[in-house]
Amino acid sequence: MRMKSGKYMSRLNVAGAFAVAAVLVLQLIWIPSYAATWDMVDFALGVLHFDMYQMQPHFPGYPYFILGGKVLHLMVGDPVQALTLFNILLYGSAIIPLFLLMNRIVRPTYAGIATAIVYTSSFTILMVNQPMSEGAAVGMMWWYIWSLVLAYERHHKGFLILPLFLFSLLLGIRLSYLVLGIGILMLLYRKWKDGVVTLLDTFVYLLIAVLFQLLWVSGISMSEGGYESFLRLALSFTNGHFQEWGGTIGASDLSLLDRVVKLIFVNTIWVGGVAEFLPLLVLLVVGLAAARKDSHGDRYMTRLMLVLLGSYFLWALFAQNVMKPRHALPLIGIALFLGAERLLSQRLSRTGSILVLSFLLLQVYHTSALLYKHASDIPAVYQMADYLESEEEGQPLVVYTWEESRVLEYLDVPFIHKKVQTYEVFTTDARYYPERDIYLTDKVVEGFKKQGVQMDEFIEVEKHFHSSELIDPIYHDLTLYKWEKQREEEEG
């Protein structure tokens, strides 16, 4: 036993272990309590009272994610922190499958540091420390990928059940990872080709996979009034979310080329790979350029990773919102995994060891700085809420918002706030508040301008609010406008 464990002992692996432990401890220390976006509020309210009709959370319900949050909410009073803690614990558990997978493709003396390079990825850790389902989903994704490799290596057909079950858990946490199911099809095809399963067996296993998915679908359906009710929710949500403001290719203003460039070079490399930190990018490029991949690794697993990477890339390109880098998390994790394989699949020189160690230490430093910033900085929406609350004390007001209204509702602010999407509705409603100051957020103003309304002469900038774009790419910059048209009409 001592000899077997001894082959993993190296300075690089020890450094990797300390890096993982340090990041995990900081994740637990710096857990933010902000629900700064519509989706975060949906999830937090879902922990308090699950009701998909009230978008608590929205379709498809994310039952295993909410269940994890509910369990931890028994010990942690804040639902936001309970969900984040569930993310941290599930992603933290992914250290095990990550190490087992790395051990198949890199030298044992490098397996620990290779695992640390993937685990401590700055942007991934930042997303894990948010009350969103991506963190838990990425953790479960590594367990699922490991089960695919394990089932392929074992001759007994019973091992095929494990990836089918874990895939059900994965989709019950985040349905948008559906395309990763191609790994199951690849596994069954290889087993059939090797003569381990028959064609009939293949159909039986696919049926079992469907039944596992029905476990969480049935639970959600029963809680919402049955399968018919669940189907209505699905249709209403997909029509609105993905076609109007979901950010799919059919709804985006970006061209296909722009989407490809943004997904690869911005979301996956600049934001996802190095979290907008130039020194990390330089070290990564130099290391990958100098490395030569050893061909003696696990070829099936490498092919599996490439298939999953390519499949999810197409899915993210055509069916996900490229304006939100968090939707590229599977691409980021798998790309870093393959990068670590290239760097560490053969013996490193002294210079190579220093380069890899420098990359890890720099990444841990950047990750720590981002975790602190995330926990200490106040989101722009919260800043706006505080400002308007202070203004309300002197003069009653009404603020018209876009999606920010969901956050204001969650914060239970004392002033009147309304979500509005058309100029006609706004002007009609504003007439009911002649004695109140009228404010609009920049998202509302931008929406009205897209409807052909010229309103620059009727508004003036009241205040700007700013938070981290890396943490919140959509609402990191907020401008509050004051409406002046009503006064001009009174003077006329």
Protein backbone atom coordinates (compact mmCIF):
# COMPACT_ATOMS: atom_id res chain seq x y z
CA MET A 1 0.00 0.00 0.00
CA ARG A 2 2.89 2.34 0.86
CA MET A 3 4.56 1.65 -2.48
CA LYS A 4 1.32 2.25 -4.36
CA SER A 5 0.70 5.62 -2.71
CA GLY A 6 4.36 6.53 -2.91
CA LYS A 7 4.27 6.86 -6.67
CA TYR A 8 2.08 9.95 -6.25
CA MET A 9 4.50 11.71 -3.92
CA SER A 10 6.10 14.72 -5.54
CA ARG A 11 6.54 18.40 -4.82
CA LEU A 12 4.13 19.32 -7.59
CA ASN A 13 1.40 17.04 -6.22
CA VAL A 14 1.90 18.42 -2.72
CA ALA A 15 1.57 21.94 -4.14
CA GLY A 16 -1.61 20.85 -5.93
CA ALA A 17 -3.09 19.45 -2.72
CA PHE A 18 -2.37 22.65 -0.80
CA ALA A 19 -3.83 24.74 -3.64
CA VAL A 20 -7.09 22.79 -3.65
CA ALA A 21 -7.36 22.91 0.15
CA ALA A 22 -6.65 26.66 0.26
CA VAL A 23 -9.25 27.48 -2.38
CA LEU A 24 -11.87 25.23 -0.77
CA VAL A 25 -11.35 26.91 2.61
CA LEU A 26 -11.64 30.38 1.06
CA GLN A 27 -14.80 29.32 -0.76
CA LEU A 28 -16.34 28.39 2.57
CA ILE A 29 -15.15 31.57 4.30
CA TRP A 30 -16.26 34.01 1.61
CA ILE A 31 -19.80 32.94 0.80
CA PRO A 32 -21.75 35.98 -0.48
CA SER A 33 -25.37 36.59 0.50
CA TYR A 34 -26.46 38.55 -2.59
CA ALA A 35 -29.20 37.52 -5.00
CA ALA A 36 -28.35 40.10 -7.64
CA THR A 37 -30.07 38.68 -10.72
CA TRP A 38 -33.51 37.42 -11.68
CA ASP A 39 -32.34 33.79 -11.77
CA MET A 40 -30.65 34.01 -8.37
CA VAL A 41 -33.87 35.32 -6.85
CA ASP A 42 -35.83 32.50 -8.52
CA PHE A 43 -33.57 29.90 -6.92
CA ALA A 44 -33.53 31.57 -3.49
CA LEU A 45 -37.32 31.82 -3.41
CA GLY A 46 -37.54 28.21 -4.56
CA VAL A 47 -35.69 27.16 -1.43
CA LEU A 48 -38.19 29.04 0.73
CA HIS A 49 -41.27 27.87 -1.18
CA PHE A 50 -41.12 25.75 -4.32
CA ASP A 51 -43.68 26.97 -6.88
CA MET A 52 -42.85 26.93 -10.59
CA TYR A 53 -45.99 28.90 -11.45
CA GLN A 54 -44.52 31.75 -9.43
CA MET A 55 -41.07 31.13 -11.00
CA GLN A 56 -39.71 29.85 -7.71
CA PRO A 57 -37.67 28.67 -9.56
CA HIS A 58 -38.50 28.85 -13.26
CA PHE A 59 -38.87 25.81 -15.53
CA PRO A 60 -37.66 23.05 -15.36
CA GLY A 61 -37.53 23.40 -11.60
CA TYR A 62 -33.94 22.21 -10.97
CA PRO A 63 -35.26 19.79 -8.33
CA TYR A 64 -32.00 18.26 -7.10
CA PHE A 65 -30.36 21.68 -6.85
CA ILE A 66 -33.30 23.09 -4.89
CA LEU A 67 -33.46 19.95 -2.73
CA GLY A 68 -29.80 20.38 -1.83
CA GLY A 69 -30.46 24.01 -0.96
CA LYS A 70 -33.48 23.09 1.17
CA VAL A 71 -31.48 20.52 3.15
CA LEU A 72 -28.67 22.97 3.87
CA HIS A 73 -31.20 25.73 4.59
CA LEU A 74 -32.09 23.76 7.72
CA MET A 75 -28.60 24.65 8.98
CA VAL A 76 -27.95 27.92 7.10
CA GLY A 77 -30.58 30.62 7.54
CA ASP A 78 -29.96 32.47 4.27
CA PRO A 79 -31.34 30.59 1.23
CA VAL A 80 -28.73 32.25 -1.01
CA GLN A 81 -25.90 30.98 1.16
CA ALA A 82 -27.53 27.55 1.44
CA LEU A 83 -27.57 27.15 -2.35
CA THR A 84 -24.01 28.42 -2.65
CA LEU A 85 -22.84 26.03 0.05
CA PHE A 86 -24.47 23.15 -1.83
CA ASN A 87 -22.56 24.21 -4.93
CA ILE A 88 -19.28 24.32 -3.01
CA LEU A 89 -19.78 20.89 -1.45
CA LEU A 90 -20.82 19.17 -4.68
CA TYR A 91 -18.10 20.83 -6.73
CA GLY A 92 -15.62 20.05 -3.95
CA SER A 93 -16.56 16.37 -4.16
CA ALA A 94 -15.57 16.49 -7.84
CA ILE A 95 -11.93 16.49 -6.73
CA ILE A 96 -12.29 12.68 -6.49
CA PRO A 97 -13.42 11.93 -10.07
CA LEU A 98 -11.10 14.63 -11.43
CA PHE A 99 -8.11 12.98 -9.78
CA LEU A 100 -9.17 9.50 -10.93
CA LEU A 101 -9.55 10.76 -14.49
CA MET A 102 -6.26 12.67 -14.44
CA ASN A 103 -4.46 9.60 -13.13
CA ARG A 104 -5.31 7.83 -16.39
CA ILE A 105 -3.70 10.40 -18.68
CA VAL A 106 -0.81 12.06 -16.81
CA ARG A 107 2.15 10.74 -14.88
CA PRO A 108 1.22 9.79 -11.27
CA THR A 109 3.66 12.39 -9.92
CA TYR A 110 1.62 15.06 -11.75
CA ALA A 111 -1.94 13.82 -11.11
CA GLY A 112 -2.41 16.05 -8.06
CA ILE A 113 -1.27 19.29 -9.65
CA ALA A 114 -3.21 18.49 -12.84
CA THR A 115 -6.36 18.09 -10.75
CA ALA A 116 -5.63 21.37 -8.97
CA ILE A 117 -5.20 23.27 -12.25
CA VAL A 118 -8.71 22.29 -13.32
CA TYR A 119 -10.36 22.56 -9.91
CA THR A 120 -8.99 26.00 -8.96
CA SER A 121 -9.97 27.60 -12.28
CA SER A 122 -10.72 31.19 -11.28
CA PHE A 123 -13.91 31.79 -13.25
CA THR A 124 -15.32 28.36 -12.43
CA ILE A 125 -14.76 28.88 -8.71
CA LEU A 126 -16.36 32.31 -8.97
CA MET A 127 -19.47 30.78 -10.54
CA VAL A 128 -19.54 27.97 -7.96
CA ASN A 129 -19.74 30.62 -5.23
CA GLN A 130 -23.05 31.91 -6.57
CA PRO A 131 -26.59 30.64 -5.83
CA MET A 132 -26.91 29.33 -9.41
CA SER A 133 -27.18 25.71 -10.54
CA GLU A 134 -24.05 25.80 -12.72
CA GLY A 135 -21.69 25.17 -9.79
CA ALA A 136 -23.39 21.97 -8.69
CA ALA A 137 -23.86 20.93 -12.31
CA VAL A 138 -20.14 21.21 -13.11
CA GLY A 139 -19.35 19.09 -10.05
CA MET A 140 -21.87 16.44 -11.10
CA MET A 141 -20.55 16.63 -14.68
CA TRP A 142 -17.15 15.33 -13.54
CA TRP A 143 -18.77 12.46 -11.65
CA TYR A 144 -20.79 11.63 -14.77
CA ILE A 145 -17.74 11.71 -17.07
CA TRP A 146 -15.82 9.51 -14.64
CA SER A 147 -18.71 7.00 -14.62
CA LEU A 148 -18.61 6.86 -18.43
CA VAL A 149 -14.93 5.97 -18.35
CA LEU A 150 -15.41 3.46 -15.53
CA ALA A 151 -18.29 1.74 -17.35
CA TYR A 152 -16.16 1.49 -20.50
CA GLU A 153 -13.25 -0.06 -18.62
CA ARG A 154 -15.35 -2.66 -16.79
CA HIS A 155 -16.51 -5.66 -18.76
CA HIS A 156 -19.56 -6.31 -16.56
CA LYS A 157 -22.71 -4.78 -18.04
CA GLY A 158 -23.98 -3.71 -14.62
CA PHE A 159 -21.56 -0.78 -14.58
CA LEU A 160 -23.57 0.78 -17.42
CA ILE A 161 -26.29 1.68 -14.91
CA LEU A 162 -24.05 4.15 -13.06
CA PRO A 163 -23.66 6.78 -15.83
CA LEU A 164 -27.38 6.51 -16.62
CA PHE A 165 -28.22 7.34 -13.01
CA LEU A 166 -25.64 10.12 -12.66
CA PHE A 167 -26.84 11.66 -15.91
CA SER A 168 -30.31 11.84 -14.37
CA LEU A 169 -28.87 13.68 -11.36
CA LEU A 170 -27.01 16.02 -13.72
CA LEU A 171 -30.14 16.98 -15.67
CA GLY A 172 -32.13 17.28 -12.44
CA ILE A 173 -29.60 19.94 -11.43
CA ARG A 174 -29.28 21.67 -14.80
CA LEU A 175 -31.26 20.54 -17.86
CA SER A 176 -29.15 22.58 -20.30
CA TYR A 177 -26.38 19.98 -19.96
CA LEU A 178 -28.61 17.58 -21.91
CA VAL A 179 -26.22 17.41 -24.87
CA LEU A 180 -23.61 15.71 -22.67
CA GLY A 181 -25.83 12.64 -22.98
CA ILE A 182 -23.97 11.94 -26.22
CA GLY A 183 -21.39 10.33 -23.94
CA ILE A 184 -23.91 7.61 -23.11
CA LEU A 185 -24.60 6.98 -26.78
CA MET A 186 -20.87 6.77 -27.44
CA LEU A 187 -20.43 4.33 -24.55
CA LEU A 188 -23.28 2.06 -25.66
CA TYR A 189 -22.01 2.07 -29.24
CA ARG A 190 -18.54 0.98 -28.12
CA LYS A 191 -19.97 -1.74 -25.89
CA TRP A 192 -22.14 -2.98 -28.75
CA LYS A 193 -19.22 -2.90 -31.17
CA ASP A 194 -17.06 -4.85 -28.70
CA GLY A 195 -19.79 -7.46 -28.32
CA VAL A 196 -20.46 -6.73 -24.66
CA VAL A 197 -24.12 -5.77 -25.24
CA THR A 198 -26.60 -6.73 -27.92
CA LEU A 199 -28.81 -4.35 -29.84
CA LEU A 200 -31.71 -5.31 -27.59
CA ASP A 201 -29.57 -4.59 -24.51
CA THR A 202 -28.84 -1.15 -25.93
CA PHE A 203 -32.52 -0.29 -26.20
CA VAL A 204 -33.11 -1.59 -22.66
CA TYR A 205 -30.36 0.66 -21.27
CA LEU A 206 -31.75 3.65 -23.16
CA LEU A 207 -35.15 2.89 -21.61
CA ILE A 208 -33.54 2.74 -18.17
CA ALA A 209 -31.95 6.13 -18.84
CA VAL A 210 -35.36 7.58 -19.66
CA LEU A 211 -36.87 6.05 -16.50
CA PHE A 212 -34.14 7.64 -14.39
CA GLN A 213 -35.00 11.02 -15.89
CA LEU A 214 -38.67 10.41 -15.15
CA LEU A 215 -37.82 10.20 -11.44
CA TRP A 216 -37.28 13.94 -11.17
CA VAL A 217 -39.73 14.87 -13.95
CA SER A 218 -42.51 12.93 -12.18
CA GLY A 219 -41.68 14.53 -8.84
CA ILE A 220 -41.86 18.01 -10.36
CA SER A 221 -45.05 17.19 -12.27
CA MET A 222 -46.84 15.93 -9.17
CA SER A 223 -45.89 19.02 -7.22
CA GLU A 224 -47.26 21.26 -10.00
CA GLY A 225 -50.54 19.45 -10.69
CA GLY A 226 -49.59 16.60 -13.03
CA TYR A 227 -47.83 15.99 -16.34
CA GLU A 228 -50.23 18.18 -18.32
CA SER A 229 -49.55 21.13 -16.06
CA PHE A 230 -45.80 20.51 -16.30
CA LEU A 231 -46.02 20.44 -20.09
CA ARG A 232 -47.88 23.77 -20.14
CA LEU A 233 -45.17 25.28 -17.98
CA ALA A 234 -42.51 23.93 -20.31
CA LEU A 235 -44.14 25.37 -23.43
CA SER A 236 -44.85 28.76 -21.91
CA PHE A 237 -41.34 29.12 -20.56
CA THR A 238 -39.48 27.99 -23.67
CA ASN A 239 -41.56 30.27 -25.89
CA GLY A 240 -40.75 33.30 -23.76
CA HIS A 241 -37.31 32.53 -22.38
CA PHE A 242 -35.49 31.12 -25.36
CA GLN A 243 -37.20 32.98 -28.17
CA GLU A 244 -37.57 36.46 -26.63
CA TRP A 245 -34.72 36.94 -24.19
CA GLY A 246 -32.93 33.65 -23.79
CA GLY A 247 -30.09 34.63 -26.09
CA THR A 248 -30.20 31.69 -28.50
CA ILE A 249 -28.99 32.25 -32.04
CA GLY A 250 -32.52 32.91 -33.19
CA ALA A 251 -32.91 35.76 -30.72
CA SER A 252 -29.43 37.25 -30.70
CA ASP A 253 -28.34 40.35 -32.61
CA LEU A 254 -24.88 38.84 -33.08
CA SER A 255 -23.93 37.20 -36.36
CA LEU A 256 -22.85 33.55 -36.40
CA LEU A 257 -19.20 34.57 -36.77
CA ASP A 258 -19.47 37.00 -33.86
CA ARG A 259 -21.01 34.27 -31.72
CA VAL A 260 -18.21 31.84 -32.59
CA VAL A 261 -15.54 34.42 -31.77
CA LYS A 262 -17.21 35.41 -28.51
CA LEU A 263 -17.78 31.82 -27.41
CA ILE A 264 -14.22 30.66 -28.12
CA PHE A 265 -11.98 33.63 -27.48
CA VAL A 266 -14.00 35.56 -24.90
CA ASN A 267 -16.17 33.14 -22.96
CA THR A 268 -13.96 30.05 -23.02
CA ILE A 269 -10.41 31.46 -23.14
CA TRP A 270 -10.25 35.06 -21.87
CA VAL A 271 -13.09 34.98 -19.33
CA GLY A 272 -13.44 31.28 -18.61
CA GLY A 273 -9.87 30.09 -18.96
CA VAL A 274 -7.96 32.90 -17.24
CA ALA A 275 -10.72 35.10 -15.75
CA GLU A 276 -9.48 38.20 -17.59
CA PHE A 277 -6.02 37.94 -16.03
CA LEU A 278 -3.30 38.59 -18.62
CA PRO A 279 -0.35 36.96 -16.74
CA LEU A 280 -2.33 33.71 -16.56
CA LEU A 281 -3.04 33.86 -20.28
CA VAL A 282 0.64 34.37 -21.09
CA LEU A 283 1.72 31.41 -18.95
CA LEU A 284 -1.02 29.23 -20.42
CA VAL A 285 -0.10 30.02 -24.02
CA VAL A 286 3.63 29.54 -23.41
CA GLY A 287 3.07 26.26 -21.58
CA LEU A 288 0.75 24.77 -24.19
CA ALA A 289 3.02 25.88 -27.03
CA ALA A 290 6.08 24.28 -25.45
CA ALA A 291 4.38 21.05 -24.35
CA ARG A 292 4.32 17.85 -26.38
CA LYS A 293 1.51 15.43 -25.64
CA ASP A 294 2.47 11.84 -24.83
CA SER A 295 0.52 9.36 -26.96
CA HIS A 296 0.44 6.69 -24.23
CA GLY A 297 -2.52 8.10 -22.32
CA ASP A 298 -6.08 6.83 -22.20
CA ARG A 299 -7.13 7.25 -25.82
CA TYR A 300 -10.80 6.43 -25.22
CA MET A 301 -11.09 9.04 -22.49
CA THR A 302 -9.37 11.66 -24.65
CA ARG A 303 -11.75 10.92 -27.52
CA LEU A 304 -14.68 11.07 -25.11
CA MET A 305 -13.56 14.47 -23.84
CA LEU A 306 -13.20 15.78 -27.40
CA VAL A 307 -16.66 14.51 -28.36
CA LEU A 308 -18.22 16.12 -25.28
CA LEU A 309 -16.29 19.33 -25.94
CA GLY A 310 -17.40 19.52 -29.57
CA SER A 311 -21.02 18.63 -28.80
CA TYR A 312 -21.36 21.19 -26.05
CA PHE A 313 -19.65 23.82 -28.19
CA LEU A 314 -22.34 23.46 -30.85
CA TRP A 315 -25.03 23.45 -28.17
CA ALA A 316 -23.64 26.60 -26.55
CA LEU A 317 -23.30 28.27 -29.95
CA PHE A 318 -26.84 27.65 -31.18
CA ALA A 319 -28.95 27.14 -28.05
CA GLN A 320 -27.34 29.11 -25.20
CA ASN A 321 -26.87 32.77 -24.36
CA VAL A 322 -23.34 33.69 -25.43
CA MET A 323 -23.67 36.98 -23.56
CA LYS A 324 -23.37 34.97 -20.32
CA PRO A 325 -19.97 33.23 -20.04
CA ARG A 326 -21.28 30.94 -17.29
CA HIS A 327 -23.14 28.99 -19.98
CA ALA A 328 -19.72 27.90 -21.28
CA LEU A 329 -18.60 26.28 -18.00
CA PRO A 330 -18.49 22.72 -19.42
CA LEU A 331 -16.33 23.98 -22.29
CA ILE A 332 -14.02 25.72 -19.83
CA GLY A 333 -13.62 22.67 -17.58
CA ILE A 334 -13.07 20.16 -20.37
CA ALA A 335 -10.69 22.49 -22.24
CA LEU A 336 -8.61 22.97 -19.08
CA PHE A 337 -8.63 19.21 -18.55
CA LEU A 338 -7.27 18.61 -22.05
CA GLY A 339 -4.76 21.43 -21.56
CA ALA A 340 -3.50 19.82 -18.35
CA GLU A 341 -3.21 16.52 -20.22
CA ARG A 342 -1.01 18.16 -22.83
CA LEU A 343 1.17 19.87 -20.22
CA LEU A 344 1.64 16.92 -17.88
CA SER A 345 1.43 13.73 -19.92
CA GLN A 346 5.24 13.44 -20.07
CA ARG A 347 8.14 14.17 -17.76
CA LEU A 348 8.70 17.87 -17.17
CA SER A 349 12.01 19.63 -17.30
CA ARG A 350 13.00 21.90 -14.43
CA THR A 351 11.81 24.89 -16.45
CA GLY A 352 8.54 23.13 -17.24
CA SER A 353 7.94 22.34 -13.58
CA ILE A 354 8.51 25.98 -12.64
CA LEU A 355 6.15 27.10 -15.38
CA VAL A 356 3.35 24.75 -14.27
CA LEU A 357 3.82 25.60 -10.61
CA SER A 358 3.84 29.33 -11.42
CA PHE A 359 0.58 28.96 -13.35
CA LEU A 360 -1.10 27.17 -10.45
CA LEU A 361 0.09 29.65 -7.81
CA LEU A 362 -0.91 32.62 -9.93
CA GLN A 363 -4.32 31.06 -10.58
CA VAL A 364 -4.88 30.42 -6.87
CA TYR A 365 -3.91 34.04 -6.12
CA HIS A 366 -6.35 35.35 -8.75
CA THR A 367 -9.10 32.99 -7.58
CA SER A 368 -8.65 34.16 -3.99
CA ALA A 369 -8.81 37.81 -5.03
CA LEU A 370 -12.01 37.20 -7.00
CA LEU A 371 -13.63 35.31 -4.13
CA TYR A 372 -12.91 38.19 -1.76
CA LYS A 373 -14.17 40.76 -4.25
CA HIS A 374 -17.33 38.75 -4.86
CA ALA A 375 -18.09 38.51 -1.14
CA SER A 376 -17.28 42.13 -0.31
CA ASP A 377 -18.45 44.17 -3.31
CA ILE A 378 -22.08 45.29 -3.39
CA PRO A 379 -23.89 44.43 -6.67
CA ALA A 380 -25.03 47.37 -8.79
CA VAL A 381 -28.71 46.48 -8.31
CA TYR A 382 -28.27 46.52 -4.52
CA GLN A 383 -26.51 49.89 -4.76
CA MET A 384 -29.43 51.28 -6.73
CA ALA A 385 -31.91 49.92 -4.20
CA ASP A 386 -30.03 51.59 -1.32
CA TYR A 387 -29.89 54.90 -3.18
CA LEU A 388 -33.58 54.92 -4.04
CA GLU A 389 -34.49 53.98 -0.49
CA SER A 390 -32.63 57.04 0.78
CA GLU A 391 -34.32 59.21 -1.87
CA GLU A 392 -37.73 57.85 -0.90
CA GLU A 393 -37.27 59.27 2.60
CA GLY A 394 -37.21 62.81 1.18
CA GLN A 395 -39.61 62.53 -1.76
CA PRO A 396 -41.96 59.66 -2.71
CA LEU A 397 -40.92 58.01 -5.94
CA VAL A 398 -41.71 55.29 -8.48
CA VAL A 399 -39.00 53.43 -10.40
CA TYR A 400 -39.71 51.55 -13.62
CA THR A 401 -37.35 48.65 -14.23
CA TRP A 402 -36.71 45.66 -16.47
CA GLU A 403 -35.53 42.46 -14.79
CA GLU A 404 -34.19 44.42 -11.81
CA SER A 405 -37.72 44.41 -10.41
CA ARG A 406 -37.28 40.78 -9.35
CA VAL A 407 -34.33 41.72 -7.15
CA LEU A 408 -36.14 44.75 -5.69
CA GLU A 409 -39.09 42.52 -4.86
CA TYR A 410 -36.78 40.04 -3.13
CA LEU A 411 -35.21 42.86 -1.10
CA ASP A 412 -38.68 44.07 -0.09
CA VAL A 413 -37.78 47.72 -0.75
CA PRO A 414 -40.10 50.42 0.70
CA PHE A 415 -40.60 52.34 -2.56
CA ILE A 416 -42.87 51.54 -5.52
CA HIS A 417 -41.18 49.68 -8.37
CA LYS A 418 -42.73 48.29 -11.52
CA LYS A 419 -41.50 46.12 -14.34
CA VAL A 420 -42.40 47.64 -17.71
CA GLN A 421 -41.58 46.63 -21.27
CA THR A 422 -43.55 49.00 -23.54
CA TYR A 423 -43.57 52.78 -23.70
CA GLU A 424 -47.36 52.96 -23.92
CA VAL A 425 -47.80 51.05 -20.66
CA PHE A 426 -45.22 53.26 -18.96
CA THR A 427 -46.80 56.60 -19.97
CA THR A 428 -50.26 55.39 -18.99
CA ASP A 429 -49.11 54.10 -15.61
CA ALA A 430 -46.91 57.12 -14.80
CA ARG A 431 -49.97 59.42 -14.95
CA TYR A 432 -51.24 57.78 -11.77
CA TYR A 433 -48.27 59.23 -9.81
CA PRO A 434 -48.32 63.01 -10.41
CA GLU A 435 -46.90 63.74 -6.95
CA ARG A 436 -44.03 61.27 -7.16
CA ASP A 437 -40.63 61.47 -8.80
CA ILE A 438 -40.40 59.06 -11.73
CA TYR A 439 -37.21 57.06 -12.34
CA LEU A 440 -36.27 54.61 -15.09
CA THR A 441 -33.34 52.21 -15.35
CA ASP A 442 -31.12 52.18 -18.42
CA LYS A 443 -32.51 48.79 -19.52
CA VAL A 444 -35.98 50.33 -19.71
CA VAL A 445 -34.69 53.34 -21.65
CA GLU A 446 -32.80 51.07 -24.08
CA GLY A 447 -35.94 48.99 -24.57
CA PHE A 448 -38.05 52.06 -25.34
CA LYS A 449 -35.47 53.31 -27.84
CA LYS A 450 -35.59 49.96 -29.64
CA GLN A 451 -39.34 50.51 -29.93
CA GLY A 452 -38.65 53.74 -31.81
CA VAL A 453 -39.28 56.15 -28.95
CA GLN A 454 -37.08 59.26 -28.87
CA MET A 455 -36.83 60.20 -25.21
CA ASP A 456 -33.39 61.76 -24.61
CA GLU A 457 -34.91 65.24 -24.14
CA PHE A 458 -37.29 63.93 -21.48
CA ILE A 459 -34.78 62.20 -19.21
CA GLU A 460 -31.66 63.16 -17.30
CA VAL A 461 -29.03 60.97 -15.68
CA GLU A 462 -29.59 60.68 -11.96
CA LYS A 463 -26.78 58.31 -10.92
CA HIS A 464 -24.49 55.52 -12.16
CA PHE A 465 -23.92 52.25 -10.31
CA HIS A 466 -21.13 49.79 -11.05
CA SER A 467 -20.03 46.33 -9.89
CA SER A 468 -17.89 43.54 -11.33
CA GLU A 469 -18.59 42.65 -14.95
CA LEU A 470 -16.95 39.26 -14.43
CA ILE A 471 -19.41 38.41 -11.67
CA ASP A 472 -22.47 39.84 -13.39
CA PRO A 473 -21.99 40.43 -17.15
CA ILE A 474 -25.52 41.81 -17.70
CA TYR A 475 -26.27 44.13 -14.76
CA HIS A 476 -22.78 45.21 -13.65
CA ASP A 477 -23.42 48.75 -14.96
CA LEU A 478 -26.71 50.47 -14.11
CA THR A 479 -27.73 54.02 -14.93
CA LEU A 480 -30.72 55.55 -13.20
CA TYR A 481 -32.63 58.21 -15.14
CA LYS A 482 -35.10 60.76 -13.88
CA TRP A 483 -38.20 61.40 -16.01
CA GLU A 484 -38.81 65.07 -16.81
CA LYS A 485 -41.57 64.97 -19.42
CA GLN A 486 -44.35 65.13 -16.85
CA ARG A 487 -43.08 68.50 -15.54
CA GLU A 488 -42.83 69.97 -19.03
CA GLU A 489 -46.44 69.04 -19.74
CA GLU A 490 -47.54 70.72 -16.50
CA GLU A 491 -45.62 73.91 -17.36
CA GLY A 492 -47.15 73.97 -20.86
